[in-house]
Amino acid sequence: MNPSFETNGFAQLLRDYLRRQSQVCATTLTIGRRCNVYACGDIDRSIYYVQSGHVKLLLNSPSGKECLLAIYAPGDIFGELCL
């Protein structure tokens, strides 16, 4: 996680909100190993809370190489930039 994202308390507030809302309006997804949650260029209006497992954020170069940008673990949130 980005340190500034953590230090301002927003991440914890968002986690708490997602936990409360998950009982009302959230959708639970189970994503298989080595499957994409979404791809670069996809239109996505969701934020994701990792309940279990790990999610890798990868960037593919034009030459086909993968660059690992982040690894999200249980309790982490990603996709919040759509907000």
C-alpha atoms as a PDB file:
ATOM      1  CA  MET A   1       0.000   0.000   0.000  1.00  0.00           C
ATOM      2  CA  ASN A   2       1.022   3.565  -0.619  1.00  0.00           C
ATOM      3  CA  PRO A   3       2.262   5.021   2.714  1.00  0.00           C
ATOM      4  CA  SER A   4       0.426   8.329   2.251  1.00  0.00           C
ATOM      5  CA  PHE A   5      -2.781   6.390   1.557  1.00  0.00           C
ATOM      6  CA  GLU A   6      -2.366   4.591   4.892  1.00  0.00           C
ATOM      7  CA  THR A   7      -1.269   7.541   7.029  1.00  0.00           C
ATOM      8  CA  ASN A   8      -4.230   9.781   6.321  1.00  0.00           C
ATOM      9  CA  GLY A   9      -6.680   7.223   7.695  1.00  0.00           C
ATOM     10  CA  PHE A  10      -8.660   7.054   4.466  1.00  0.00           C
ATOM     11  CA  ALA A  11      -7.711   3.411   3.888  1.00  0.00           C
ATOM     12  CA  GLN A  12      -9.075   2.358   7.277  1.00  0.00           C
ATOM     13  CA  LEU A  13     -12.263   4.366   6.789  1.00  0.00           C
ATOM     14  CA  LEU A  14     -12.745   2.753   3.382  1.00  0.00           C
ATOM     15  CA  ARG A  15     -12.131  -0.746   4.801  1.00  0.00           C
ATOM     16  CA  ASP A  16     -14.674  -0.152   7.572  1.00  0.00           C
ATOM     17  CA  TYR A  17     -17.226   1.167   5.096  1.00  0.00           C
ATOM     18  CA  LEU A  18     -16.732  -1.806   2.771  1.00  0.00           C
ATOM     19  CA  ARG A  19     -17.173  -4.264   5.639  1.00  0.00           C
ATOM     20  CA  ARG A  20     -20.476  -2.623   6.613  1.00  0.00           C
ATOM     21  CA  GLN A  21     -21.719  -2.374   3.027  1.00  0.00           C
ATOM     22  CA  SER A  22     -20.689  -5.900   2.102  1.00  0.00           C
ATOM     23  CA  GLN A  23     -23.720  -7.167   3.968  1.00  0.00           C
ATOM     24  CA  VAL A  24     -26.030  -4.858   2.005  1.00  0.00           C
ATOM     25  CA  CYS A  25     -24.848  -4.144  -1.522  1.00  0.00           C
ATOM     26  CA  ALA A  26     -21.487  -5.784  -2.206  1.00  0.00           C
ATOM     27  CA  THR A  27     -20.853  -8.586  -4.609  1.00  0.00           C
ATOM     28  CA  THR A  28     -18.402 -11.315  -3.692  1.00  0.00           C
ATOM     29  CA  LEU A  29     -16.171 -12.530  -6.504  1.00  0.00           C
ATOM     30  CA  THR A  30     -13.977 -15.573  -6.489  1.00  0.00           C
ATOM     31  CA  ILE A  31     -11.152 -15.121  -8.956  1.00  0.00           C
ATOM     32  CA  GLY A  32      -9.151 -18.164  -9.972  1.00  0.00           C
ATOM     33  CA  ARG A  33      -5.404 -18.417  -9.748  1.00  0.00           C
ATOM     34  CA  ARG A  34      -3.641 -16.603 -12.628  1.00  0.00           C
ATOM     35  CA  CYS A  35      -6.942 -15.047 -13.789  1.00  0.00           C
ATOM     36  CA  ASN A  36      -7.442 -11.323 -14.393  1.00  0.00           C
ATOM     37  CA  VAL A  37      -9.664  -9.195 -12.203  1.00  0.00           C
ATOM     38  CA  TYR A  38      -9.546  -6.590 -14.949  1.00  0.00           C
ATOM     39  CA  ALA A  39      -7.139  -5.582 -17.717  1.00  0.00           C
ATOM     40  CA  CYS A  40      -5.556  -2.303 -18.706  1.00  0.00           C
ATOM     41  CA  GLY A  41      -8.032  -0.293 -20.738  1.00  0.00           C
ATOM     42  CA  ASP A  42     -11.107  -1.983 -19.253  1.00  0.00           C
ATOM     43  CA  ILE A  43     -13.804   0.319 -17.935  1.00  0.00           C
ATOM     44  CA  ASP A  44     -14.208  -0.613 -14.295  1.00  0.00           C
ATOM     45  CA  ARG A  45     -16.245   1.233 -11.706  1.00  0.00           C
ATOM     46  CA  SER A  46     -15.556  -1.064  -8.781  1.00  0.00           C
ATOM     47  CA  ILE A  47     -13.250  -1.056  -5.829  1.00  0.00           C
ATOM     48  CA  TYR A  48     -11.924  -4.360  -4.579  1.00  0.00           C
ATOM     49  CA  TYR A  49     -11.278  -5.590  -1.072  1.00  0.00           C
ATOM     50  CA  VAL A  50      -9.013  -8.645  -0.872  1.00  0.00           C
ATOM     51  CA  GLN A  51     -10.650 -11.042   1.569  1.00  0.00           C
ATOM     52  CA  SER A  52      -8.251 -13.947   1.040  1.00  0.00           C
ATOM     53  CA  GLY A  53      -5.356 -14.817  -1.216  1.00  0.00           C
ATOM     54  CA  HIS A  54      -3.136 -12.359  -3.052  1.00  0.00           C
ATOM     55  CA  VAL A  55      -3.564 -10.163  -6.129  1.00  0.00           C
ATOM     56  CA  LYS A  56      -0.628  -9.063  -8.269  1.00  0.00           C
ATOM     57  CA  LEU A  57      -0.712  -5.759 -10.121  1.00  0.00           C
ATOM     58  CA  LEU A  58       1.238  -6.265 -13.349  1.00  0.00           C
ATOM     59  CA  LEU A  59       2.134  -4.002 -16.243  1.00  0.00           C
ATOM     60  CA  ASN A  60       2.958  -5.664 -19.554  1.00  0.00           C
ATOM     61  CA  SER A  61       5.497  -4.000 -21.824  1.00  0.00           C
ATOM     62  CA  PRO A  62       5.104  -3.951 -25.608  1.00  0.00           C
ATOM     63  CA  SER A  63       7.887  -6.562 -25.788  1.00  0.00           C
ATOM     64  CA  GLY A  64       5.859  -8.933 -23.586  1.00  0.00           C
ATOM     65  CA  LYS A  65       7.786  -8.515 -20.340  1.00  0.00           C
ATOM     66  CA  GLU A  66       5.843  -8.253 -17.086  1.00  0.00           C
ATOM     67  CA  CYS A  67       6.616  -5.611 -14.485  1.00  0.00           C
ATOM     68  CA  LEU A  68       5.336  -6.314 -10.963  1.00  0.00           C
ATOM     69  CA  LEU A  69       3.934  -3.062  -9.539  1.00  0.00           C
ATOM     70  CA  ALA A  70       2.290  -4.290  -6.334  1.00  0.00           C
ATOM     71  CA  ILE A  71       1.034  -7.311  -4.457  1.00  0.00           C
ATOM     72  CA  TYR A  72      -2.223  -6.965  -2.539  1.00  0.00           C
ATOM     73  CA  ALA A  73      -2.863  -9.204   0.477  1.00  0.00           C
ATOM     74  CA  PRO A  74      -5.954  -9.865   2.614  1.00  0.00           C
ATOM     75  CA  GLY A  75      -7.288  -6.575   3.972  1.00  0.00           C
ATOM     76  CA  ASP A  76      -5.914  -4.514   1.084  1.00  0.00           C
ATOM     77  CA  ILE A  77      -8.010  -2.379  -1.231  1.00  0.00           C
ATOM     78  CA  PHE A  78      -7.347  -1.647  -4.889  1.00  0.00           C
ATOM     79  CA  GLY A  79      -9.205   0.006  -7.736  1.00  0.00           C
ATOM     80  CA  GLU A  80     -10.013   3.029  -5.563  1.00  0.00           C
ATOM     81  CA  LEU A  81      -8.825   5.419  -8.278  1.00  0.00           C
ATOM     82  CA  CYS A  82     -12.167   4.907 -10.048  1.00  0.00           C
ATOM     83  CA  LEU A  83     -13.769   6.897  -7.228  1.00  0.00           C
END
